[in-house]
């Protein structure tokens, strides 16, 4: 089969980016190459990464069995975080940038010091591997989602579970916490919340489930807000605002929903049948990555999509940002750093 391309480069080519537009189809894309690539952090597939609030440090976990903290500017290794049994599925910095939260296949949630790599807290209670986490406000409480079908709220100060937020009977692949718009009815808690719950009021909890359901509930009230059924298993989710959210499925759909009227999606973005592996709110749009190696930025005020290149056909599992820098991690064991100023 021969494909005929009518697209012509429009205008300019720089060292790190190229802008291609097709006027007939009214489509336009900018392709951005990595500013730098870190190849020495891990030896195998990198499943998760995050960048600290100050932009100085990165943390990542890999199927090579390690979780590491590294210098975000050059990839230089700073700390190795050892203590999980089996693979670490998710890792993220607390807002302070000095502490890391991780969840593993050992059903344990751990908090680490980024300064000396010590494990300061271990949470136990899940019966299956932890697949995703979210931090509530400044981090007195955290949320975890697990293969055991439950989402739990934890008290970091006392290393205790404050409650099971949801019991779905289906693996929870992704969790997100967001502040709710005043117009959204989150319901009232059936019991008085513990005084150890901090910052849960007026918050929504979003659960991306393996059974094709996207569930939203009041974080403090535990009351249902909506339940949406998609085309396939939901892998990831994120809030764009106090009422808009995104969720990605195994068959390549990105659903944009409005919490105020969630029955029908605002839009469904479908670029390929590859699994949507991560979604991240970014400026007035979002960054998505998929199982076919595609990683792209959609912004409302731009009439083109920015394609982050380099991964070829290897899945891009996670994306993190700091100011104008974007970091991605991939099955090819590389961390790629993109500089948006190169556009």
Protein backbone atom coordinates (compact mmCIF):
# COMPACT_ATOMS: atom_id res chain seq x y z
CA UNK A 1 0.00 0.00 0.00
CA UNK A 2 1.37 3.41 -0.94
CA UNK A 3 0.45 6.39 1.20
CA UNK A 4 0.28 9.78 -0.48
CA UNK A 5 1.15 12.66 1.80
CA UNK A 6 0.06 16.14 0.78
CA UNK A 7 1.68 17.69 3.83
CA UNK A 8 4.50 20.13 3.29
CA UNK A 9 6.76 21.63 5.93
CA UNK A 10 5.32 25.02 6.72
CA UNK A 11 7.91 27.62 7.32
CA UNK A 12 10.75 26.52 9.50
CA UNK A 13 12.91 23.72 10.80
CA UNK A 14 15.02 24.12 13.93
CA UNK A 15 17.56 21.78 15.49
CA UNK A 16 15.06 20.28 17.95
CA UNK A 17 11.68 20.86 16.30
CA UNK A 18 9.84 20.77 13.02
CA UNK A 19 6.42 22.22 12.20
CA UNK A 20 4.34 20.36 9.60
CA UNK A 21 0.92 21.46 8.46
CA UNK A 22 -1.61 20.14 5.96
CA UNK A 23 -3.92 23.03 4.92
CA UNK A 24 -6.32 20.74 3.03
CA UNK A 25 -7.03 18.78 6.21
CA UNK A 26 -6.70 21.85 8.47
CA UNK A 27 -4.26 19.94 10.66
CA UNK A 28 -0.92 21.01 11.99
CA UNK A 29 1.69 19.40 14.26
CA UNK A 30 4.99 20.36 15.79
CA UNK A 31 7.46 17.55 16.44
CA UNK A 32 9.87 18.13 19.31
CA UNK A 33 13.00 16.03 19.83
CA UNK A 34 14.39 15.43 23.34
CA UNK A 35 16.71 18.12 24.65
CA UNK A 36 18.65 15.38 26.44
CA UNK A 37 18.28 11.67 27.23
CA UNK A 38 19.27 9.90 30.45
CA UNK A 39 20.36 6.31 29.83
CA UNK A 40 22.23 5.45 33.02
CA UNK A 41 19.46 5.69 35.62
CA UNK A 42 17.91 2.27 34.98
CA UNK A 43 18.77 -0.82 32.94
CA UNK A 44 15.22 -1.95 32.14
CA UNK A 45 11.75 -0.54 31.47
CA UNK A 46 10.95 2.58 33.56
CA UNK A 47 7.36 2.36 34.76
CA UNK A 48 6.96 5.63 36.66
CA UNK A 49 8.67 8.96 37.30
CA UNK A 50 8.10 12.32 38.94
CA UNK A 51 9.94 15.63 39.30
CA UNK A 52 10.19 17.55 42.58
CA UNK A 53 8.35 20.83 43.06
CA UNK A 54 11.57 22.82 42.77
CA UNK A 55 12.62 20.98 39.60
CA UNK A 56 15.91 19.79 41.10
CA UNK A 57 15.25 16.09 41.59
CA UNK A 58 13.62 13.21 39.76
CA UNK A 59 12.40 9.88 41.12
CA UNK A 60 11.71 6.79 39.03
CA UNK A 61 10.90 3.11 39.38
CA UNK A 62 11.82 0.31 37.01
CA UNK A 63 11.29 -3.36 36.25
CA UNK A 64 15.00 -3.76 37.04
CA UNK A 65 13.71 -3.82 40.63
CA UNK A 66 15.03 -0.41 41.66
CA UNK A 67 13.64 2.98 42.63
CA UNK A 68 16.08 5.86 42.35
CA UNK A 69 16.38 9.58 42.98
CA UNK A 70 18.45 11.52 40.47
CA UNK A 71 19.50 15.02 39.50
CA UNK A 72 16.85 16.34 37.09
CA UNK A 73 19.37 18.46 35.17
CA UNK A 74 21.74 15.65 34.18
CA UNK A 75 20.34 12.31 35.38
CA UNK A 76 23.13 11.84 37.90
CA UNK A 77 22.20 9.28 40.57
CA UNK A 78 21.64 10.68 44.07
CA UNK A 79 19.87 7.96 46.10
CA UNK A 80 18.60 4.38 45.79
CA UNK A 81 15.37 3.69 47.69
CA UNK A 82 15.42 0.06 48.85
CA UNK A 83 12.71 -1.70 50.83
CA UNK A 84 9.88 -2.84 48.58
CA UNK A 85 9.59 -6.52 47.74
CA UNK A 86 8.89 -7.08 44.01
CA UNK A 87 8.29 -4.23 41.56
CA UNK A 88 7.46 -0.64 42.50
CA UNK A 89 4.45 0.46 40.44
CA UNK A 90 4.22 4.14 41.31
CA UNK A 91 6.32 6.88 42.88
CA UNK A 92 5.82 10.60 43.40
CA UNK A 93 7.19 13.53 45.38
CA UNK A 94 5.23 15.21 48.13
CA UNK A 95 4.69 18.95 47.52
CA UNK A 96 7.73 19.74 49.71
CA UNK A 97 10.00 17.98 47.21
CA UNK A 98 11.87 16.40 50.13
CA UNK A 99 9.77 13.26 50.58
CA UNK A 100 8.69 10.48 48.18
CA UNK A 101 5.56 8.29 48.22
CA UNK A 102 5.71 4.87 46.55
CA UNK A 103 3.40 1.90 46.03
CA UNK A 104 4.43 -1.61 45.08
CA UNK A 105 3.32 -5.08 44.08
CA UNK A 106 4.03 -6.07 47.69
CA UNK A 107 0.76 -4.24 48.62
CA UNK A 108 2.78 -1.74 50.66
CA UNK A 109 2.78 2.03 50.52
CA UNK A 110 6.00 3.68 51.68
CA UNK A 111 7.20 7.20 52.45
CA UNK A 112 10.90 7.98 51.95
CA UNK A 113 13.29 10.79 52.75
CA UNK A 114 14.78 12.12 49.52
CA UNK A 115 17.72 13.44 51.55
CA UNK A 116 19.03 10.20 53.08
CA UNK A 117 16.91 7.49 51.34
CA UNK A 118 15.48 6.24 54.64
CA UNK A 119 11.97 4.74 54.67
CA UNK A 120 10.14 6.73 57.35
CA UNK A 121 6.65 5.20 57.06
CA UNK A 122 5.20 1.92 55.74
CA UNK A 123 1.45 1.51 55.29
CA UNK A 124 -0.02 -2.00 55.29
CA UNK A 125 -3.64 -2.97 54.69
CA UNK A 126 -4.10 -3.59 50.98
CA UNK A 127 -4.46 -7.22 49.86
CA UNK A 128 -3.08 -6.62 46.35
CA UNK A 129 -0.47 -4.56 44.56
CA UNK A 130 -0.80 -0.77 44.74
CA UNK A 131 -1.20 0.69 41.25
CA UNK A 132 -1.51 4.44 41.85
CA UNK A 133 -1.47 7.09 44.55
CA UNK A 134 -2.60 10.68 45.09
CA UNK A 135 -1.52 13.23 47.68
CA UNK A 136 -4.18 15.31 49.42
CA UNK A 137 -3.23 18.99 49.74
CA UNK A 138 0.18 19.31 51.39
CA UNK A 139 0.44 15.65 52.25
CA UNK A 140 -0.94 14.99 55.72
CA UNK A 141 -3.19 12.42 53.99
CA UNK A 142 -2.62 10.28 50.90
CA UNK A 143 -4.86 8.04 48.76
CA UNK A 144 -3.97 4.68 47.22
CA UNK A 145 -5.65 2.50 44.60
CA UNK A 146 -4.99 -1.23 44.44
CA UNK A 147 -5.49 -4.45 42.53
CA UNK A 148 -7.60 -5.59 45.48
CA UNK A 149 -10.35 -3.24 44.24
CA UNK A 150 -10.14 -0.76 47.11
CA UNK A 151 -9.11 2.87 47.41
CA UNK A 152 -7.86 3.84 50.87
CA UNK A 153 -7.15 7.07 52.72
CA UNK A 154 -4.05 7.12 54.94
CA UNK A 155 -2.82 9.30 57.80
CA UNK A 156 0.89 9.90 57.22
CA UNK A 157 1.59 11.16 60.74
CA UNK A 158 0.30 8.03 62.44
CA UNK A 159 0.96 5.49 59.64
CA UNK A 160 -2.70 4.48 59.86
CA UNK A 161 -5.54 3.79 57.45
CA UNK A 162 -8.34 6.34 57.92
CA UNK A 163 -10.80 4.31 55.89
CA UNK A 164 -11.70 2.44 52.74
CA UNK A 165 -12.99 5.11 50.35
CA UNK A 166 -14.35 2.66 47.79
CA UNK A 167 -14.55 -1.10 47.35
CA UNK A 168 -15.12 -1.72 43.64
CA UNK A 169 -14.57 -5.43 43.23
CA UNK A 170 -12.32 -4.49 40.31
CA UNK A 171 -8.69 -3.40 40.07
CA UNK A 172 -8.18 0.38 40.47
CA UNK A 173 -5.58 1.36 37.87
CA UNK A 174 -5.52 5.11 38.45
CA UNK A 175 -6.56 7.63 41.11
CA UNK A 176 -6.82 11.42 41.10
CA UNK A 177 -7.84 14.00 43.70
CA UNK A 178 -9.15 17.41 42.70
CA UNK A 179 -10.84 20.45 44.20
CA UNK A 180 -14.54 20.53 43.30
CA UNK A 181 -16.37 23.47 41.77
CA UNK A 182 -18.96 25.00 44.14
CA UNK A 183 -21.79 23.86 41.87
CA UNK A 184 -21.04 20.16 42.42
CA UNK A 185 -22.94 18.31 45.13
CA UNK A 186 -20.47 16.03 46.91
CA UNK A 187 -22.97 14.79 49.51
CA UNK A 188 -22.49 14.63 53.27
CA UNK A 189 -20.51 12.05 55.23
CA UNK A 190 -22.58 9.44 57.07
CA UNK A 191 -20.18 9.62 60.02
CA UNK A 192 -18.20 12.50 61.46
CA UNK A 193 -14.81 12.56 59.69
CA UNK A 194 -11.75 11.83 61.81
CA UNK A 195 -9.85 14.88 63.01
CA UNK A 196 -6.86 13.22 61.30
CA UNK A 197 -8.45 13.92 57.91
CA UNK A 198 -6.86 17.11 56.65
CA UNK A 199 -7.86 18.84 53.43
CA UNK A 200 -10.43 16.29 52.27
CA UNK A 201 -13.41 18.67 52.28
CA UNK A 202 -14.63 20.00 48.91
CA UNK A 203 -12.46 17.44 47.11
CA UNK A 204 -13.40 14.83 44.50
CA UNK A 205 -11.80 11.41 44.14
CA UNK A 206 -11.61 9.87 40.67
CA UNK A 207 -11.01 6.13 40.17
CA UNK A 208 -9.98 4.59 36.84
CA UNK A 209 -11.16 0.98 37.02
CA UNK A 210 -10.30 -2.22 35.17
CA UNK A 211 -14.00 -3.08 34.71
CA UNK A 212 -14.46 -0.20 32.19
CA UNK A 213 -15.90 2.10 34.85
CA UNK A 214 -14.81 5.57 35.84
CA UNK A 215 -16.01 6.37 39.36
CA UNK A 216 -16.16 9.77 41.04
CA UNK A 217 -17.00 10.32 44.71
CA UNK A 218 -16.68 12.95 47.40
CA UNK A 219 -13.36 12.43 49.16
CA UNK A 220 -14.67 13.41 52.58
CA UNK A 221 -18.28 12.32 52.15
CA UNK A 222 -17.49 8.97 50.40
CA UNK A 223 -20.76 9.62 48.55
CA UNK A 224 -21.07 8.83 44.80
CA UNK A 225 -20.92 11.74 42.34
CA UNK A 226 -21.12 9.71 39.11
CA UNK A 227 -20.26 6.37 37.53
CA UNK A 228 -19.35 6.42 33.83
CA UNK A 229 -18.97 3.32 31.66
CA UNK A 230 -16.34 3.51 28.92
CA UNK A 231 -15.29 1.42 25.94
CA UNK A 232 -12.57 -0.57 27.74
CA UNK A 233 -10.58 -0.71 30.98
CA UNK A 234 -9.65 2.75 32.29
CA UNK A 235 -5.90 3.05 32.88
CA UNK A 236 -5.46 6.64 34.07
CA UNK A 237 -7.33 9.82 34.97
CA UNK A 238 -6.71 13.45 35.90
CA UNK A 239 -8.62 16.63 36.69
CA UNK A 240 -8.32 19.62 34.35
CA UNK A 241 -10.39 21.97 36.54
CA UNK A 242 -13.03 21.99 39.27
CA UNK A 243 -15.47 20.29 36.90
CA UNK A 244 -13.55 18.99 33.85
CA UNK A 245 -11.62 15.73 33.84
CA UNK A 246 -9.85 13.31 31.51
CA UNK A 247 -9.65 9.53 31.57
CA UNK A 248 -7.82 7.16 29.22
CA UNK A 249 -8.72 3.62 28.22
CA UNK A 250 -6.93 0.45 27.14
CA UNK A 251 -8.33 0.78 23.59
CA UNK A 252 -6.94 4.29 23.03
CA UNK A 253 -9.84 6.58 23.96
CA UNK A 254 -9.33 9.77 25.95
CA UNK A 255 -12.66 10.82 27.45
CA UNK A 256 -13.20 14.43 28.50
CA UNK A 257 -16.09 14.64 30.95
CA UNK A 258 -17.88 17.46 32.75
CA UNK A 259 -18.70 16.40 36.33
CA UNK A 260 -21.84 18.58 36.23
CA UNK A 261 -23.29 16.51 33.33
CA UNK A 262 -21.25 13.33 33.06
CA UNK A 263 -23.65 11.12 31.10
CA UNK A 264 -22.23 12.14 27.72
CA UNK A 265 -18.56 13.03 27.18
CA UNK A 266 -17.64 16.59 26.22
CA UNK A 267 -15.40 14.93 23.65
CA UNK A 268 -13.60 11.66 22.92
CA UNK A 269 -10.07 11.93 21.52
CA UNK A 270 -8.91 8.83 19.67
CA UNK A 271 -5.57 8.85 17.86
CA UNK A 272 -4.77 5.15 17.82
CA UNK A 273 -5.91 1.89 19.37
CA UNK A 274 -2.87 1.81 21.66
CA UNK A 275 -3.55 1.96 25.42
CA UNK A 276 -3.58 5.42 26.99
CA UNK A 277 -1.01 5.03 29.76
CA UNK A 278 -0.77 8.48 31.34
CA UNK A 279 -2.62 11.81 31.38
CA UNK A 280 -1.34 15.01 32.93
CA UNK A 281 -2.97 18.43 33.15
CA UNK A 282 -0.62 20.96 31.56
CA UNK A 283 -1.21 24.72 31.23
CA UNK A 284 -4.63 25.04 29.58
CA UNK A 285 -4.51 21.54 28.11
CA UNK A 286 -2.94 18.18 28.79
CA UNK A 287 -0.13 15.74 27.97
CA UNK A 288 -0.96 12.14 27.06
CA UNK A 289 1.21 9.09 26.44
CA UNK A 290 0.29 5.79 24.81
CA UNK A 291 1.47 2.23 24.41
CA UNK A 292 2.64 2.77 20.81
CA UNK A 293 5.33 5.29 21.85
CA UNK A 294 3.29 8.40 21.12
CA UNK A 295 3.45 11.27 23.59
CA UNK A 296 1.72 14.54 22.77
CA UNK A 297 0.57 17.89 24.14
CA UNK A 298 -2.86 19.35 23.40
CA UNK A 299 -3.45 23.00 24.35
CA UNK A 300 -6.64 25.00 23.87
CA UNK A 301 -4.98 28.13 22.56
CA UNK A 302 -2.84 26.27 20.00
CA UNK A 303 -4.19 25.09 16.67
CA UNK A 304 -1.57 22.34 16.51
CA UNK A 305 -0.57 19.31 18.56
CA UNK A 306 2.98 19.08 19.93
CA UNK A 307 4.41 15.59 19.41
CA UNK A 308 7.20 14.56 21.79
CA UNK A 309 9.36 12.23 19.71
CA UNK A 310 12.05 9.64 20.37
CA UNK A 311 10.28 6.67 21.91
CA UNK A 312 9.59 5.01 18.53
CA UNK A 313 7.20 2.11 19.27
CA UNK A 314 8.08 1.55 22.94
CA UNK A 315 5.29 2.43 25.42
CA UNK A 316 5.70 5.75 27.23
CA UNK A 317 4.46 4.97 30.73
CA UNK A 318 4.54 8.32 32.52
CA UNK A 319 5.14 12.03 32.01
CA UNK A 320 6.12 14.71 34.53
CA UNK A 321 6.72 18.45 34.12
CA UNK A 322 8.54 21.32 35.73
CA UNK A 323 8.00 24.76 34.24
CA UNK A 324 8.94 24.45 30.53
CA UNK A 325 10.59 21.06 30.90
CA UNK A 326 8.83 17.77 30.26
CA UNK A 327 10.19 14.38 31.31
CA UNK A 328 8.98 11.01 30.03
CA UNK A 329 9.85 7.42 30.93
CA UNK A 330 9.69 4.50 28.57
CA UNK A 331 10.01 0.76 28.13
CA UNK A 332 13.38 1.34 26.40
CA UNK A 333 14.86 2.24 29.85
CA UNK A 334 15.38 5.90 28.91
CA UNK A 335 14.25 9.11 30.57
CA UNK A 336 13.77 11.83 27.98
CA UNK A 337 13.80 15.52 28.82
CA UNK A 338 12.12 17.99 26.47
CA UNK A 339 12.59 21.75 26.52
CA UNK A 340 9.48 23.63 25.41
CA UNK A 341 11.58 26.73 24.77
CA UNK A 342 13.06 24.73 21.86
CA UNK A 343 9.76 25.38 20.07
